[in-house]
N, C-alpha and C. Protein backbone atom coordinates (compact mmCIF):
# COMPACT_ATOMS: atom_id res chain seq x y z
N MET A 1 9.41 -4.07 14.73
CA MET A 1 10.64 -4.06 14.23
C MET A 1 9.98 -4.34 12.84
N TYR A 2 10.49 -3.27 11.51
CA TYR A 2 10.50 -3.20 10.31
C TYR A 2 11.13 -3.99 9.81
N ARG A 3 10.36 -4.92 9.06
CA ARG A 3 11.36 -6.21 8.25
C ARG A 3 11.40 -6.18 7.10
N HIS A 4 12.04 -6.09 6.21
CA HIS A 4 12.10 -6.04 4.95
C HIS A 4 13.46 -7.05 4.60
N GLU A 5 14.57 -7.34 5.47
CA GLU A 5 15.57 -8.37 4.73
C GLU A 5 15.08 -9.62 5.22
N LYS A 6 15.62 -10.77 4.34
CA LYS A 6 15.17 -11.88 4.52
C LYS A 6 16.19 -12.64 5.63
N THR A 7 15.95 -13.14 6.60
CA THR A 7 16.71 -13.68 7.65
C THR A 7 15.98 -14.70 8.30
N LEU A 8 16.58 -16.15 8.88
CA LEU A 8 15.98 -17.19 9.36
C LEU A 8 15.03 -16.22 10.50
N GLU A 9 15.79 -15.29 11.35
CA GLU A 9 15.06 -15.03 12.28
C GLU A 9 13.58 -14.43 11.86
N ASN A 10 13.53 -13.53 10.82
CA ASN A 10 12.06 -13.20 10.68
C ASN A 10 11.28 -13.74 9.35
N SER A 11 11.85 -15.15 9.02
CA SER A 11 11.37 -15.66 7.99
C SER A 11 9.81 -16.02 7.88
N THR A 12 9.22 -15.43 6.51
CA THR A 12 7.63 -15.88 6.78
C THR A 12 7.30 -17.71 6.26
N ALA A 13 8.50 -18.36 5.98
CA ALA A 13 8.31 -19.49 5.42
C ALA A 13 8.28 -20.34 6.58
N LEU A 14 8.18 -19.67 8.14
CA LEU A 14 7.81 -20.97 8.85
C LEU A 14 6.36 -20.74 9.06
N LEU A 15 5.50 -19.50 8.81
CA LEU A 15 4.56 -19.48 8.80
C LEU A 15 3.35 -20.71 7.96
N THR A 16 2.53 -21.45 8.75
CA THR A 16 1.85 -22.14 7.60
C THR A 16 0.88 -21.38 7.11
N SER A 17 0.14 -20.37 7.47
CA SER A 17 -0.78 -19.34 6.62
C SER A 17 -1.02 -18.06 7.46
N VAL A 18 -1.44 -17.18 6.55
CA VAL A 18 -1.44 -15.91 7.74
C VAL A 18 -2.60 -15.53 7.39
N THR A 19 -3.43 -15.52 8.58
CA THR A 19 -4.69 -15.31 9.03
C THR A 19 -5.11 -14.09 8.84
N GLY A 20 -6.50 -13.98 8.59
CA GLY A 20 -6.87 -12.50 8.32
C GLY A 20 -7.57 -12.04 9.75
N PHE A 21 -7.58 -10.42 9.52
CA PHE A 21 -8.15 -9.70 10.47
C PHE A 21 -9.59 -9.54 10.37
N GLU A 22 -10.12 -9.98 11.44
CA GLU A 22 -11.73 -9.89 11.65
C GLU A 22 -12.38 -8.57 11.73
N GLU A 23 -11.46 -7.90 12.18
CA GLU A 23 -11.80 -6.37 12.50
C GLU A 23 -11.26 -5.13 11.62
N ASN A 24 -11.35 -4.25 11.81
CA ASN A 24 -10.45 -3.26 10.81
C ASN A 24 -9.43 -3.05 11.31
N PRO A 25 -8.14 -3.45 10.93
CA PRO A 25 -6.86 -3.34 11.48
C PRO A 25 -5.93 -2.03 11.20
N THR A 26 -6.86 -0.98 11.09
CA THR A 26 -6.53 0.20 10.90
C THR A 26 -5.42 0.74 12.18
N ASP A 27 -6.12 0.80 13.27
CA ASP A 27 -5.24 1.19 14.61
C ASP A 27 -3.84 0.11 14.94
N ILE A 28 -4.21 -0.95 14.46
CA ILE A 28 -2.95 -1.82 14.77
C ILE A 28 -1.51 -1.50 13.84
N PHE A 29 -1.96 -1.26 12.31
CA PHE A 29 -1.30 -0.88 11.47
C PHE A 29 -0.62 0.62 11.81
N LEU A 30 -1.60 1.27 12.07
CA LEU A 30 -1.09 2.76 12.53
C LEU A 30 -0.05 2.59 13.74
N THR A 31 -0.19 1.72 14.46
CA THR A 31 0.51 2.00 15.81
C THR A 31 1.77 0.91 15.37
N GLU A 32 1.92 0.13 14.62
CA GLU A 32 3.41 -0.61 14.23
C GLU A 32 3.87 0.33 13.20
N MET A 33 3.48 1.40 12.49
CA MET A 33 4.64 2.13 11.99
C MET A 33 4.75 3.47 12.85
N LYS A 34 3.93 3.71 13.91
CA LYS A 34 4.65 4.76 14.94
C LYS A 34 5.72 4.06 15.62
N ASN A 35 5.62 2.64 16.00
CA ASN A 35 6.95 1.79 16.52
C ASN A 35 8.07 1.91 15.65
N ILE A 36 7.92 2.30 14.71
CA ILE A 36 8.94 2.15 13.64
C ILE A 36 9.84 3.72 13.65
N VAL A 37 8.83 4.54 13.99
CA VAL A 37 9.73 5.99 13.34
C VAL A 37 11.22 6.18 14.63
N PRO A 38 11.15 5.53 16.05
CA PRO A 38 12.66 5.81 16.40
C PRO A 38 13.65 5.32 15.33
N GLU A 39 13.60 4.09 14.86
CA GLU A 39 14.15 3.50 13.80
C GLU A 39 14.61 4.63 12.63
N MET A 40 13.74 5.13 12.00
CA MET A 40 13.95 6.03 10.91
C MET A 40 14.55 7.56 11.31
N GLN A 41 14.07 8.20 11.93
CA GLN A 41 14.44 9.35 12.66
C GLN A 41 15.59 9.83 11.93
N ASP A 42 16.63 9.11 12.12
CA ASP A 42 17.94 10.05 11.83
C ASP A 42 18.13 9.85 10.52
N LEU A 43 17.43 9.05 9.61
CA LEU A 43 17.94 9.30 8.07
C LEU A 43 17.62 10.25 7.52
N PRO A 44 18.43 10.33 6.67
CA PRO A 44 18.39 11.64 5.84
C PRO A 44 16.76 12.26 4.78
N PHE A 45 16.21 10.83 4.66
CA PHE A 45 14.84 11.20 3.77
C PHE A 45 13.81 11.06 4.79
N TYR A 46 14.09 11.13 6.58
CA TYR A 46 13.02 11.33 7.19
C TYR A 46 12.49 12.60 7.10
N HIS A 47 11.18 12.88 7.05
CA HIS A 47 10.39 14.32 6.96
C HIS A 47 9.77 14.44 8.48
N LYS A 48 10.92 15.47 9.05
CA LYS A 48 10.48 15.91 10.48
C LYS A 48 8.98 16.36 10.73
N GLY A 49 8.35 17.07 9.52
CA GLY A 49 7.15 17.76 9.69
C GLY A 49 6.27 16.95 9.45
N ILE A 50 6.31 15.66 9.36
CA ILE A 50 4.93 14.61 9.06
C ILE A 50 4.73 13.85 9.93
N GLU A 51 3.12 13.47 10.32
CA GLU A 51 2.81 12.31 11.16
C GLU A 51 2.69 11.24 10.86
N CYS A 52 2.53 9.83 11.60
CA CYS A 52 2.09 8.75 10.75
C CYS A 52 0.60 8.85 11.00
N PHE A 53 -0.29 8.65 9.88
CA PHE A 53 -1.58 8.62 9.49
C PHE A 53 -1.83 7.46 8.75
N CYS A 54 -3.27 6.92 9.29
CA CYS A 54 -4.01 6.00 8.04
C CYS A 54 -5.39 5.98 8.21
N PRO A 55 -5.74 6.33 6.66
CA PRO A 55 -7.34 6.48 6.98
C PRO A 55 -7.81 5.23 7.01
N LYS A 56 -8.98 5.25 7.48
CA LYS A 56 -9.94 3.80 7.76
C LYS A 56 -9.51 2.50 6.61
N PHE A 57 -9.15 1.57 6.82
CA PHE A 57 -8.91 0.55 6.11
C PHE A 57 -10.58 0.75 5.37
N ASP A 58 -10.72 -0.04 4.16
CA ASP A 58 -11.71 -0.50 3.61
C ASP A 58 -11.57 -1.90 2.87
N LEU A 59 -12.78 -2.72 3.14
CA LEU A 59 -12.93 -3.83 2.88
C LEU A 59 -13.10 -3.92 1.37
N PHE A 60 -11.86 -4.59 0.48
CA PHE A 60 -12.07 -5.07 -1.14
C PHE A 60 -12.05 -6.05 -1.59
N GLU A 61 -12.99 -6.59 -1.97
CA GLU A 61 -12.57 -8.27 -2.62
C GLU A 61 -12.18 -8.86 -1.08
N ASP A 62 -12.75 -8.84 -0.22
CA ASP A 62 -12.60 -9.55 1.23
C ASP A 62 -11.03 -9.30 1.55
N GLN A 63 -10.53 -8.13 1.19
CA GLN A 63 -9.49 -7.96 1.85
C GLN A 63 -9.41 -6.54 2.28
N TRP A 64 -8.16 -6.27 3.59
CA TRP A 64 -8.30 -5.16 3.88
C TRP A 64 -7.34 -4.08 3.41
N ILE A 65 -7.98 -2.73 2.64
CA ILE A 65 -7.15 -1.97 1.66
C ILE A 65 -7.13 -0.72 2.43
N GLY A 66 -5.69 -0.12 2.42
CA GLY A 66 -5.73 1.35 2.95
C GLY A 66 -4.45 1.84 2.69
N THR A 67 -4.40 3.06 2.76
CA THR A 67 -3.17 3.71 2.29
C THR A 67 -2.59 4.20 3.76
N VAL A 68 -1.07 4.50 4.03
CA VAL A 68 -0.54 4.80 5.42
C VAL A 68 0.51 5.95 4.96
N LEU A 69 0.65 6.84 5.66
CA LEU A 69 1.58 7.85 5.44
C LEU A 69 2.31 7.89 6.51
N THR A 70 3.89 7.83 6.76
CA THR A 70 4.89 7.90 7.64
C THR A 70 5.75 9.56 7.17
N PRO A 71 6.79 9.57 8.42
CA PRO A 71 7.65 10.82 7.70
C PRO A 71 8.65 10.36 6.71
N TRP A 72 8.38 8.84 6.27
CA TRP A 72 9.29 8.49 5.05
C TRP A 72 8.72 8.24 3.87
N MET A 73 7.53 7.60 4.05
CA MET A 73 6.62 7.19 2.75
C MET A 73 5.32 7.40 3.01
N MET A 74 5.15 7.26 1.72
CA MET A 74 3.20 7.05 1.98
C MET A 74 3.12 5.84 0.92
N SER A 75 2.42 4.93 1.01
CA SER A 75 2.04 3.79 0.60
C SER A 75 0.66 3.08 0.55
N VAL A 76 0.38 2.13 -0.45
CA VAL A 76 -1.02 1.56 -0.43
C VAL A 76 -0.56 0.13 0.32
N VAL A 77 -1.62 -0.24 1.24
CA VAL A 77 -1.18 -1.79 2.07
C VAL A 77 -2.53 -2.27 1.65
N ILE A 78 -2.10 -3.87 1.51
CA ILE A 78 -3.14 -4.81 1.89
C ILE A 78 -2.90 -5.71 2.67
N LEU A 79 -4.14 -6.00 3.65
CA LEU A 79 -4.04 -7.05 4.59
C LEU A 79 -5.18 -7.94 4.39
N PRO A 80 -4.96 -9.16 5.16
CA PRO A 80 -5.87 -10.14 4.64
C PRO A 80 -7.26 -9.71 5.48
N GLY A 81 -8.00 -10.28 4.93
CA GLY A 81 -9.32 -9.41 5.35
C GLY A 81 -9.96 -10.80 6.26
N PRO A 82 -11.55 -10.83 6.81
CA PRO A 82 -11.99 -11.48 7.71
C PRO A 82 -12.29 -12.44 6.89
N GLN A 83 -12.24 -13.87 7.71
CA GLN A 83 -12.09 -15.27 7.18
C GLN A 83 -11.25 -15.84 6.07
N GLN A 84 -10.27 -14.69 5.95
CA GLN A 84 -9.07 -15.03 4.88
C GLN A 84 -8.05 -15.75 5.19
N GLN A 85 -7.43 -16.98 4.77
CA GLN A 85 -6.10 -17.56 4.85
C GLN A 85 -4.86 -17.02 4.04
N TRP A 86 -4.10 -16.38 4.15
CA TRP A 86 -3.10 -15.88 2.98
C TRP A 86 -2.00 -17.07 2.90
N GLU A 87 -1.46 -17.90 1.69
CA GLU A 87 -0.24 -18.52 1.50
C GLU A 87 0.69 -17.78 2.15
N PRO A 88 1.59 -18.06 2.80
CA PRO A 88 2.70 -17.44 3.56
C PRO A 88 3.93 -17.16 2.38
N ARG A 89 4.41 -15.84 2.07
CA ARG A 89 4.99 -15.72 1.14
C ARG A 89 6.28 -15.23 1.54
N GLU A 90 7.74 -15.19 0.69
CA GLU A 90 8.89 -14.51 1.43
C GLU A 90 9.01 -13.15 1.39
N LEU A 91 9.24 -12.64 2.62
CA LEU A 91 9.33 -11.08 2.63
C LEU A 91 10.10 -10.73 1.41
N GLY A 92 9.66 -9.36 0.68
CA GLY A 92 10.44 -8.92 -0.47
C GLY A 92 9.99 -9.55 -1.83
N ASP A 93 8.96 -10.78 -1.71
CA ASP A 93 8.56 -11.14 -3.09
C ASP A 93 7.25 -10.10 -3.42
N LYS A 94 7.38 -9.75 -4.85
CA LYS A 94 6.76 -9.03 -5.58
C LYS A 94 5.52 -9.47 -5.92
N LEU A 95 4.10 -9.31 -6.27
CA LEU A 95 2.96 -9.56 -6.46
C LEU A 95 2.47 -8.15 -7.29
N THR A 96 1.40 -8.37 -8.11
CA THR A 96 1.19 -7.43 -8.82
C THR A 96 -0.67 -7.60 -8.59
N VAL A 97 -1.30 -6.66 -8.20
CA VAL A 97 -2.70 -6.72 -7.86
C VAL A 97 -3.61 -5.44 -8.71
N GLN A 98 -4.50 -6.12 -9.74
CA GLN A 98 -5.47 -5.55 -10.21
C GLN A 98 -6.68 -4.52 -9.19
N LEU A 99 -6.40 -3.43 -9.03
CA LEU A 99 -7.62 -2.69 -8.17
C LEU A 99 -8.26 -1.94 -9.08
N PRO A 100 -9.35 -1.35 -9.12
CA PRO A 100 -10.46 -0.55 -9.95
C PRO A 100 -9.73 0.29 -11.01
N TYR A 101 -8.59 1.24 -10.00
CA TYR A 101 -7.82 2.26 -10.88
C TYR A 101 -7.05 1.90 -11.91
N LYS A 102 -6.20 0.95 -11.34
CA LYS A 102 -5.14 0.06 -12.48
C LYS A 102 -4.49 -0.89 -11.53
N ALA A 103 -3.59 -1.48 -12.32
CA ALA A 103 -2.53 -2.57 -11.67
C ALA A 103 -1.47 -1.87 -10.80
N LEU A 104 -1.33 -2.42 -9.65
CA LEU A 104 -0.19 -2.13 -8.93
C LEU A 104 0.62 -3.20 -8.57
N THR A 105 2.06 -2.79 -8.53
CA THR A 105 3.09 -4.09 -7.86
C THR A 105 3.49 -3.73 -6.47
N PHE A 106 3.09 -4.67 -5.45
CA PHE A 106 3.16 -4.67 -3.95
C PHE A 106 4.32 -5.46 -3.90
N THR A 107 4.79 -5.32 -2.52
CA THR A 107 5.96 -6.00 -2.03
C THR A 107 5.48 -6.72 -0.58
N VAL A 108 5.93 -7.74 -0.71
CA VAL A 108 5.32 -8.62 0.78
C VAL A 108 6.21 -7.91 2.00
N SER A 109 5.59 -7.57 2.57
CA SER A 109 6.32 -6.70 3.88
C SER A 109 5.57 -7.73 5.39
N GLY A 110 6.08 -7.06 6.49
CA GLY A 110 5.83 -7.72 7.66
C GLY A 110 6.30 -6.56 8.70
N VAL A 111 5.69 -6.60 9.78
CA VAL A 111 6.15 -5.91 11.20
C VAL A 111 5.61 -7.04 12.31
N GLU A 112 5.91 -6.36 13.39
CA GLU A 112 5.65 -7.77 14.70
C GLU A 112 4.24 -7.97 14.83
N ASN A 113 3.08 -7.11 14.71
CA ASN A 113 1.76 -7.51 14.67
C ASN A 113 0.95 -7.63 13.50
N VAL A 114 2.01 -7.49 12.33
CA VAL A 114 1.15 -7.77 11.09
C VAL A 114 2.40 -8.79 10.47
N PRO A 115 2.29 -9.62 10.70
CA PRO A 115 3.47 -10.63 9.88
C PRO A 115 3.64 -10.23 8.41
N GLN A 116 2.54 -10.23 7.77
CA GLN A 116 2.33 -10.21 6.57
C GLN A 116 1.68 -9.24 6.02
N TYR A 117 2.03 -8.62 4.79
CA TYR A 117 0.99 -7.48 4.37
C TYR A 117 1.73 -7.21 3.46
N LEU A 118 0.73 -6.86 1.98
CA LEU A 118 1.42 -6.22 0.78
C LEU A 118 1.42 -4.83 1.19
N SER A 119 2.49 -4.25 0.46
CA SER A 119 2.78 -2.82 0.22
C SER A 119 3.23 -2.10 -1.22
N CYS A 120 2.88 -1.01 -1.47
CA CYS A 120 2.79 -0.53 -2.65
C CYS A 120 3.21 0.93 -2.56
N SER A 121 4.66 1.25 -2.72
CA SER A 121 5.08 2.91 -2.32
C SER A 121 4.40 3.69 -3.32
N LEU A 122 3.56 4.69 -2.94
CA LEU A 122 3.59 5.65 -3.70
C LEU A 122 4.22 7.02 -3.91
N HIS A 123 4.73 7.38 -3.03
CA HIS A 123 5.79 8.49 -2.47
C HIS A 123 6.92 7.80 -1.52
N SER A 124 8.33 8.06 -1.93
CA SER A 124 9.16 8.07 -1.31
C SER A 124 10.44 8.04 -2.16
N PRO A 125 11.34 8.95 -1.58
CA PRO A 125 11.13 9.94 0.06
C PRO A 125 9.61 10.91 -0.74
N LEU A 126 9.12 11.40 0.69
CA LEU A 126 8.10 12.34 0.86
C LEU A 126 8.97 14.10 0.16
N ASP A 127 8.01 14.71 -0.67
CA ASP A 127 8.78 15.86 -1.27
C ASP A 127 9.19 16.79 0.67
N PRO A 128 10.29 17.61 0.45
CA PRO A 128 10.35 18.21 1.71
C PRO A 128 9.46 19.00 1.62
N ASN A 129 8.74 19.64 0.67
CA ASN A 129 7.82 20.68 1.05
C ASN A 129 6.45 20.67 1.29
N LEU A 130 6.51 19.56 1.46
CA LEU A 130 4.96 18.82 1.76
C LEU A 130 4.52 18.93 3.43
N THR A 131 3.47 19.27 3.58
CA THR A 131 2.98 20.12 4.87
C THR A 131 2.35 18.32 5.25
N ASN A 132 2.05 18.64 6.76
CA ASN A 132 1.70 17.64 7.09
C ASN A 132 0.01 17.57 6.67
N GLU A 133 -1.06 18.73 6.62
CA GLU A 133 -1.97 18.82 6.43
C GLU A 133 -2.11 18.16 4.95
N GLN A 134 -0.96 18.80 4.39
CA GLN A 134 -1.47 18.28 2.64
C GLN A 134 -0.57 17.02 2.65
N ALA A 135 0.10 16.50 3.27
CA ALA A 135 0.24 15.04 3.14
C ALA A 135 -0.98 13.93 3.74
N VAL A 136 -1.99 14.21 4.72
CA VAL A 136 -2.94 13.70 5.18
C VAL A 136 -3.83 13.85 4.05
N GLN A 137 -4.12 14.80 3.63
CA GLN A 137 -5.21 14.94 2.25
C GLN A 137 -5.05 14.01 1.32
N LEU A 138 -3.18 14.19 0.82
CA LEU A 138 -2.83 13.16 -0.18
C LEU A 138 -3.00 11.70 0.05
N THR A 139 -2.78 11.48 1.31
CA THR A 139 -3.22 9.83 1.45
C THR A 139 -4.60 9.66 1.68
N GLN A 140 -5.52 9.97 2.12
CA GLN A 140 -7.02 10.05 1.79
C GLN A 140 -7.13 10.20 0.31
N ASP A 141 -6.94 11.04 -0.32
CA ASP A 141 -7.34 10.99 -1.76
C ASP A 141 -6.65 9.79 -2.86
N CYS A 142 -5.41 9.20 -2.39
CA CYS A 142 -4.52 8.31 -2.93
C CYS A 142 -5.87 6.81 -2.59
N LEU A 143 -6.16 6.68 -1.54
CA LEU A 143 -7.21 5.64 -1.33
C LEU A 143 -8.39 5.59 -1.88
N ARG A 144 -9.01 7.06 -2.15
CA ARG A 144 -10.16 6.71 -2.93
C ARG A 144 -9.77 6.49 -4.24
N MET A 145 -8.57 7.31 -4.67
CA MET A 145 -8.34 6.79 -6.44
C MET A 145 -8.12 5.48 -6.50
N VAL A 146 -7.34 4.66 -5.40
CA VAL A 146 -6.78 3.22 -6.09
C VAL A 146 -8.22 2.53 -6.11
N LEU A 147 -9.46 2.86 -5.47
CA LEU A 147 -10.98 2.47 -5.39
C LEU A 147 -11.68 2.76 -6.27
N SER A 148 -11.23 3.51 -7.09
CA SER A 148 -12.11 4.11 -7.90
C SER A 148 -12.02 3.87 -9.55
N MET A 149 -13.22 3.60 -9.85
CA MET A 149 -13.18 3.24 -11.33
C MET A 149 -12.54 4.25 -12.68
N PRO A 150 -11.57 4.44 -13.55
CA PRO A 150 -11.39 5.45 -14.10
C PRO A 150 -13.01 5.78 -14.63
N THR A 151 -12.72 7.50 -14.62
CA THR A 151 -13.88 7.72 -15.20
C THR A 151 -13.76 8.25 -16.63
N LYS A 152 -12.53 8.39 -17.49
CA LYS A 152 -12.56 8.33 -18.62
C LYS A 152 -12.45 6.85 -19.62
N GLN A 153 -13.38 6.75 -20.25
CA GLN A 153 -13.49 5.58 -21.32
C GLN A 153 -12.68 6.02 -22.66
N PRO A 154 -12.02 4.96 -23.00
CA PRO A 154 -11.41 5.49 -24.56
C PRO A 154 -12.85 5.30 -25.43
N THR A 155 -13.03 6.46 -26.31
CA THR A 155 -13.99 6.44 -27.58
C THR A 155 -13.54 5.50 -28.64
N PHE A 156 -14.43 4.97 -29.23
CA PHE A 156 -14.31 4.14 -30.31
C PHE A 156 -14.94 4.92 -31.27
N ASP A 157 -13.97 5.20 -32.50
CA ASP A 157 -14.91 5.60 -33.78
C ASP A 157 -14.64 4.96 -34.81
N PRO A 158 -15.79 4.35 -35.34
CA PRO A 158 -16.05 3.10 -36.12
C PRO A 158 -15.45 3.52 -37.71
N ASP A 159 -15.30 4.54 -37.63
CA ASP A 159 -14.74 4.95 -39.13
C ASP A 159 -13.31 4.61 -39.25
N ARG A 160 -12.82 3.82 -40.55
CA ARG A 160 -11.79 3.02 -40.52
C ARG A 160 -10.82 3.84 -40.45
N ARG A 161 -10.92 5.16 -41.23
CA ARG A 161 -9.67 6.05 -41.50
C ARG A 161 -9.28 6.29 -40.07
N ASN A 162 -10.22 6.80 -38.96
CA ASN A 162 -9.85 7.39 -37.75
C ASN A 162 -9.33 6.05 -36.81
N LEU A 163 -9.65 4.78 -37.23
CA LEU A 163 -8.97 4.09 -36.32
C LEU A 163 -7.50 3.51 -36.65
N PHE A 164 -7.31 3.91 -38.10
CA PHE A 164 -6.15 3.55 -38.35
C PHE A 164 -5.13 5.05 -38.29
N LYS A 165 -5.47 6.02 -37.83
CA LYS A 165 -5.04 7.11 -37.65
C LYS A 165 -4.54 6.97 -35.99
N ALA A 166 -5.65 6.29 -35.16
CA ALA A 166 -5.37 5.92 -33.66
C ALA A 166 -4.16 4.71 -33.79
N MET A 167 -4.19 3.81 -34.43
CA MET A 167 -3.29 3.08 -34.22
C MET A 167 -1.64 3.45 -34.78
N ILE A 168 -1.55 4.70 -35.28
CA ILE A 168 -0.23 5.00 -35.85
C ILE A 168 0.16 6.22 -34.81
N LYS A 169 -0.46 6.27 -34.14
CA LYS A 169 -0.29 7.23 -32.90
C LYS A 169 0.99 7.18 -32.40
């Protein structure tokens, strides 16, 4: 069940902690996304030509990070890593996470076999002209991008006049 609404039935407040995944959770997460498809397929933003896809999650600072593609969105997701214990948060809460590329704001989300994870939408809804092949490539590229250091660093010119010009731009 895709859970974004806050109810007593699915409240994460009852959790004492969120236990990390010792093994790569890509397959578990992908299965959960596929299980949501029947609930979403009649919505107007559902893209019938797109299949659910997750590149293998990577460990980043002891947490699992990955991207997910579904027929309704593309997101970056973070799940607790090996030997991690997350404090439970309310579904829908927002957290900003600094990644190598830039800081992203994530929403606390949950599904049946992943009671709590962080998600940040990159594309929602998906472009209707996007092919499945393009979407898969974009999903892979986005994961590489969020884990990459920016390649351009601002240059500093010690000339005071240039510094002043840079400040007034």
